[in-house]
Amino acid sequence: MGFDEEWAQLRAAAAERLTAGADAPPLPATAGPAVEADPLDAAREAAAERLAAFRRQAVLVPLDARGGLWTAALGGLDWICAFSGEEPLARFAEARGESGQEWAFRRVTGARLLDELIPALDFPCGVALDAAGPAGAVFPPLRGIVPDAVALDGEVAA
């Protein structure tokens, strides 16, 4: 099974676990006039907040057999797999059937991954955060996430 099939199965299972707990009582309605929020604006704001939090966060990045950052192919791109802690990394190893082995890793900030390490690569690459968890996220190599010079939608240097 490839990384993309694994990712899809793990995300579906996590979403199912979250909806299984949906029988919690609803929140009380607030008084006053209802203000319709633009869902697109709310999604953009949430994405910007998630990116800002990732940039400040120290993450664990597994190392490959040569000591480089471990990447996986998904959707035609390579992705550096990063984890918010040892527990999400262990969950990922278990999902891959590799929980019995020791995983060497580097601790690095999200900002350093996006601003220094990705531009140093000779191929387009994004970051997949907590790939085996319900709160996983991807940060593709696009403007506003990585430097424009290496963004797939950025200006090509002459």
C-alpha atoms as a PDB file:
ATOM      1  CA  MET A   1       0.000   0.000   0.000  1.00  0.00           C
ATOM      2  CA  GLY A   2       1.379   3.409  -0.982  1.00  0.00           C
ATOM      3  CA  PHE A   3       1.614   6.486   1.206  1.00  0.00           C
ATOM      4  CA  ASP A   4      -1.380   8.135  -0.475  1.00  0.00           C
ATOM      5  CA  GLU A   5      -3.670   5.139   0.143  1.00  0.00           C
ATOM      6  CA  GLU A   6      -2.425   4.940   3.735  1.00  0.00           C
ATOM      7  CA  TRP A   7      -2.994   8.662   4.238  1.00  0.00           C
ATOM      8  CA  ALA A   8      -6.557   8.409   2.885  1.00  0.00           C
ATOM      9  CA  GLN A   9      -7.413   5.418   5.072  1.00  0.00           C
ATOM     10  CA  LEU A  10      -5.951   6.985   8.200  1.00  0.00           C
ATOM     11  CA  ARG A  11      -7.749  10.296   7.633  1.00  0.00           C
ATOM     12  CA  ALA A  12     -11.058   8.479   6.996  1.00  0.00           C
ATOM     13  CA  ALA A  13     -10.645   6.423  10.172  1.00  0.00           C
ATOM     14  CA  ALA A  14      -9.823   9.546  12.198  1.00  0.00           C
ATOM     15  CA  ALA A  15     -12.850  11.388  10.811  1.00  0.00           C
ATOM     16  CA  GLU A  16     -15.046   8.401  11.629  1.00  0.00           C
ATOM     17  CA  ARG A  17     -13.770   8.357  15.230  1.00  0.00           C
ATOM     18  CA  LEU A  18     -14.506  12.079  15.552  1.00  0.00           C
ATOM     19  CA  THR A  19     -18.049  11.737  14.196  1.00  0.00           C
ATOM     20  CA  ALA A  20     -18.687   8.727  16.445  1.00  0.00           C
ATOM     21  CA  GLY A  21     -18.484  11.155  19.362  1.00  0.00           C
ATOM     22  CA  ALA A  22     -21.045  13.452  17.692  1.00  0.00           C
ATOM     23  CA  ASP A  23     -23.804  12.504  20.135  1.00  0.00           C
ATOM     24  CA  ALA A  24     -22.581  15.169  22.544  1.00  0.00           C
ATOM     25  CA  PRO A  25     -25.243  17.707  23.494  1.00  0.00           C
ATOM     26  CA  PRO A  26     -25.424  20.709  21.170  1.00  0.00           C
ATOM     27  CA  LEU A  27     -24.086  24.053  22.286  1.00  0.00           C
ATOM     28  CA  PRO A  28     -26.746  26.496  23.470  1.00  0.00           C
ATOM     29  CA  ALA A  29     -27.905  29.056  20.932  1.00  0.00           C
ATOM     30  CA  THR A  30     -26.690  32.591  21.456  1.00  0.00           C
ATOM     31  CA  ALA A  31     -29.100  35.473  21.762  1.00  0.00           C
ATOM     32  CA  GLY A  32     -29.052  38.379  19.349  1.00  0.00           C
ATOM     33  CA  PRO A  33     -29.156  38.786  15.607  1.00  0.00           C
ATOM     34  CA  ALA A  34     -27.472  36.082  13.585  1.00  0.00           C
ATOM     35  CA  VAL A  35     -24.505  37.267  11.569  1.00  0.00           C
ATOM     36  CA  GLU A  36     -23.705  35.128   8.574  1.00  0.00           C
ATOM     37  CA  ALA A  37     -20.007  34.483   8.342  1.00  0.00           C
ATOM     38  CA  ASP A  38     -18.458  33.829   4.971  1.00  0.00           C
ATOM     39  CA  PRO A  39     -17.266  30.200   5.137  1.00  0.00           C
ATOM     40  CA  LEU A  40     -14.464  30.919   2.674  1.00  0.00           C
ATOM     41  CA  ASP A  41     -13.130  33.757   4.828  1.00  0.00           C
ATOM     42  CA  ALA A  42     -13.355  31.549   7.913  1.00  0.00           C
ATOM     43  CA  ALA A  43     -11.456  28.763   6.121  1.00  0.00           C
ATOM     44  CA  ARG A  44      -8.742  31.189   4.980  1.00  0.00           C
ATOM     45  CA  GLU A  45      -8.360  32.545   8.501  1.00  0.00           C
ATOM     46  CA  ALA A  46      -8.155  29.040   9.980  1.00  0.00           C
ATOM     47  CA  ALA A  47      -5.523  28.036   7.401  1.00  0.00           C
ATOM     48  CA  ALA A  48      -3.467  31.156   8.119  1.00  0.00           C
ATOM     49  CA  GLU A  49      -3.634  30.482  11.863  1.00  0.00           C
ATOM     50  CA  ARG A  50      -2.613  26.845  11.342  1.00  0.00           C
ATOM     51  CA  LEU A  51       0.347  27.907   9.185  1.00  0.00           C
ATOM     52  CA  ALA A  52       1.457  30.524  11.750  1.00  0.00           C
ATOM     53  CA  ALA A  53       1.274  27.949  14.557  1.00  0.00           C
ATOM     54  CA  PHE A  54       3.267  25.432  12.474  1.00  0.00           C
ATOM     55  CA  ARG A  55       5.968  28.008  11.715  1.00  0.00           C
ATOM     56  CA  ARG A  56       6.488  28.592  15.474  1.00  0.00           C
ATOM     57  CA  GLN A  57       6.355  24.896  16.388  1.00  0.00           C
ATOM     58  CA  ALA A  58       9.318  22.554  16.792  1.00  0.00           C
ATOM     59  CA  VAL A  59       8.528  19.332  14.933  1.00  0.00           C
ATOM     60  CA  LEU A  60      10.163  15.922  14.635  1.00  0.00           C
ATOM     61  CA  VAL A  61      11.278  14.901  11.148  1.00  0.00           C
ATOM     62  CA  PRO A  62      12.300  11.246  10.699  1.00  0.00           C
ATOM     63  CA  LEU A  63      15.590  10.587   8.938  1.00  0.00           C
ATOM     64  CA  ASP A  64      16.001   8.230   6.001  1.00  0.00           C
ATOM     65  CA  ALA A  65      18.694   5.543   5.693  1.00  0.00           C
ATOM     66  CA  ARG A  66      21.211   8.128   4.414  1.00  0.00           C
ATOM     67  CA  GLY A  67      20.520  10.548   7.284  1.00  0.00           C
ATOM     68  CA  GLY A  68      18.447  12.956   5.156  1.00  0.00           C
ATOM     69  CA  LEU A  69      14.943  14.112   5.900  1.00  0.00           C
ATOM     70  CA  TRP A  70      12.424  11.338   5.232  1.00  0.00           C
ATOM     71  CA  THR A  71      10.035  12.164   2.399  1.00  0.00           C
ATOM     72  CA  ALA A  72       7.104  10.394   0.801  1.00  0.00           C
ATOM     73  CA  ALA A  73       5.474  10.879  -2.593  1.00  0.00           C
ATOM     74  CA  LEU A  74       1.817  11.924  -2.639  1.00  0.00           C
ATOM     75  CA  GLY A  75      -0.136  13.588  -5.427  1.00  0.00           C
ATOM     76  CA  GLY A  76       2.876  13.995  -7.702  1.00  0.00           C
ATOM     77  CA  LEU A  77       4.952  15.839  -5.076  1.00  0.00           C
ATOM     78  CA  ASP A  78       7.394  14.836  -2.398  1.00  0.00           C
ATOM     79  CA  TRP A  79       6.424  15.663   1.180  1.00  0.00           C
ATOM     80  CA  ILE A  80       8.662  15.936   4.214  1.00  0.00           C
ATOM     81  CA  CYS A  81       6.870  14.027   6.945  1.00  0.00           C
ATOM     82  CA  ALA A  82       6.913  16.024  10.192  1.00  0.00           C
ATOM     83  CA  PHE A  83       5.320  15.209  13.531  1.00  0.00           C
ATOM     84  CA  SER A  84       4.233  17.425  16.399  1.00  0.00           C
ATOM     85  CA  GLY A  85       5.621  14.976  18.971  1.00  0.00           C
ATOM     86  CA  GLU A  86       6.769  11.443  19.662  1.00  0.00           C
ATOM     87  CA  GLU A  87       3.209  10.112  20.045  1.00  0.00           C
ATOM     88  CA  PRO A  88       2.097  11.147  16.520  1.00  0.00           C
ATOM     89  CA  LEU A  89       5.371   9.754  15.131  1.00  0.00           C
ATOM     90  CA  ALA A  90       4.752   6.450  16.941  1.00  0.00           C
ATOM     91  CA  ARG A  91       1.169   6.372  15.599  1.00  0.00           C
ATOM     92  CA  PHE A  92       2.536   6.851  12.078  1.00  0.00           C
ATOM     93  CA  ALA A  93       5.123   4.077  12.551  1.00  0.00           C
ATOM     94  CA  GLU A  94       2.387   1.768  13.838  1.00  0.00           C
ATOM     95  CA  ALA A  95       0.141   2.575  10.869  1.00  0.00           C
ATOM     96  CA  ARG A  96       3.023   1.619   8.578  1.00  0.00           C
ATOM     97  CA  GLY A  97       3.631  -1.636  10.477  1.00  0.00           C
ATOM     98  CA  GLU A  98       7.041  -0.354  11.595  1.00  0.00           C
ATOM     99  CA  SER A  99       6.441   0.290  15.282  1.00  0.00           C
ATOM    100  CA  GLY A 100       9.099  -2.229  16.346  1.00  0.00           C
ATOM    101  CA  GLN A 101      11.982  -0.290  14.848  1.00  0.00           C
ATOM    102  CA  GLU A 102      13.713   2.786  16.207  1.00  0.00           C
ATOM    103  CA  TRP A 103      13.078   5.959  14.213  1.00  0.00           C
ATOM    104  CA  ALA A 104      15.921   8.492  14.165  1.00  0.00           C
ATOM    105  CA  PHE A 105      14.684  12.054  13.802  1.00  0.00           C
ATOM    106  CA  ARG A 106      15.703  15.710  13.820  1.00  0.00           C
ATOM    107  CA  ARG A 107      13.913  18.422  15.753  1.00  0.00           C
ATOM    108  CA  VAL A 108      13.418  21.547  13.634  1.00  0.00           C
ATOM    109  CA  THR A 109      11.027  24.487  13.595  1.00  0.00           C
ATOM    110  CA  GLY A 110       8.343  24.662  10.959  1.00  0.00           C
ATOM    111  CA  ALA A 111       9.710  28.028   9.811  1.00  0.00           C
ATOM    112  CA  ARG A 112      13.155  26.524   9.193  1.00  0.00           C
ATOM    113  CA  LEU A 113      11.621  23.654   7.219  1.00  0.00           C
ATOM    114  CA  LEU A 114       9.630  26.023   5.020  1.00  0.00           C
ATOM    115  CA  ASP A 115      12.110  28.894   4.677  1.00  0.00           C
ATOM    116  CA  GLU A 116      15.508  27.157   4.615  1.00  0.00           C
ATOM    117  CA  LEU A 117      15.337  23.409   4.069  1.00  0.00           C
ATOM    118  CA  ILE A 118      12.737  23.260   1.284  1.00  0.00           C
ATOM    119  CA  PRO A 119      14.516  25.970  -0.770  1.00  0.00           C
ATOM    120  CA  ALA A 120      17.766  23.968  -0.429  1.00  0.00           C
ATOM    121  CA  LEU A 121      16.201  20.946  -2.157  1.00  0.00           C
ATOM    122  CA  ASP A 122      16.531  20.450  -5.896  1.00  0.00           C
ATOM    123  CA  PHE A 123      12.921  19.294  -6.290  1.00  0.00           C
ATOM    124  CA  PRO A 124       9.503  20.697  -5.260  1.00  0.00           C
ATOM    125  CA  CYS A 125       8.542  19.543  -1.810  1.00  0.00           C
ATOM    126  CA  GLY A 126       5.908  20.319   0.817  1.00  0.00           C
ATOM    127  CA  VAL A 127       5.433  19.300   4.449  1.00  0.00           C
ATOM    128  CA  ALA A 128       2.900  16.755   5.734  1.00  0.00           C
ATOM    129  CA  LEU A 129       2.301  17.287   9.462  1.00  0.00           C
ATOM    130  CA  ASP A 130       1.027  14.398  11.638  1.00  0.00           C
ATOM    131  CA  ALA A 131       0.127  12.200   8.658  1.00  0.00           C
ATOM    132  CA  ALA A 132      -1.464   9.431  10.748  1.00  0.00           C
ATOM    133  CA  GLY A 133      -3.551  11.620  13.021  1.00  0.00           C
ATOM    134  CA  PRO A 134      -6.938  13.291  12.943  1.00  0.00           C
ATOM    135  CA  ALA A 135      -5.395  16.777  13.054  1.00  0.00           C
ATOM    136  CA  GLY A 136      -2.958  16.262  10.187  1.00  0.00           C
ATOM    137  CA  ALA A 137      -2.222  19.055   7.745  1.00  0.00           C
ATOM    138  CA  VAL A 138      -0.268  19.639   4.572  1.00  0.00           C
ATOM    139  CA  PHE A 139       1.742  22.712   3.669  1.00  0.00           C
ATOM    140  CA  PRO A 140       2.301  22.609  -0.102  1.00  0.00           C
ATOM    141  CA  PRO A 141       5.124  24.456  -1.854  1.00  0.00           C
ATOM    142  CA  LEU A 142       3.006  27.501  -2.748  1.00  0.00           C
ATOM    143  CA  ARG A 143       3.427  31.266  -2.347  1.00  0.00           C
ATOM    144  CA  GLY A 144       2.667  32.386   1.173  1.00  0.00           C
ATOM    145  CA  ILE A 145       3.918  29.069   2.558  1.00  0.00           C
ATOM    146  CA  VAL A 146       7.422  28.733   1.095  1.00  0.00           C
ATOM    147  CA  PRO A 147       9.624  31.461  -0.427  1.00  0.00           C
ATOM    148  CA  ASP A 148       8.298  32.660  -3.812  1.00  0.00           C
ATOM    149  CA  ALA A 149      11.487  31.521  -5.584  1.00  0.00           C
ATOM    150  CA  VAL A 150      10.678  27.848  -4.858  1.00  0.00           C
ATOM    151  CA  ALA A 151       6.879  28.058  -4.858  1.00  0.00           C
ATOM    152  CA  LEU A 152       5.197  26.133  -7.660  1.00  0.00           C
ATOM    153  CA  ASP A 153       2.946  29.142  -8.285  1.00  0.00           C
ATOM    154  CA  GLY A 154       5.737  31.712  -7.829  1.00  0.00           C
ATOM    155  CA  GLU A 155       7.806  33.770 -10.216  1.00  0.00           C
ATOM    156  CA  VAL A 156      10.540  31.868 -12.031  1.00  0.00           C
ATOM    157  CA  ALA A 157      13.933  33.471 -11.471  1.00  0.00           C
ATOM    158  CA  ALA A 158      15.573  34.656 -14.698  1.00  0.00           C
END
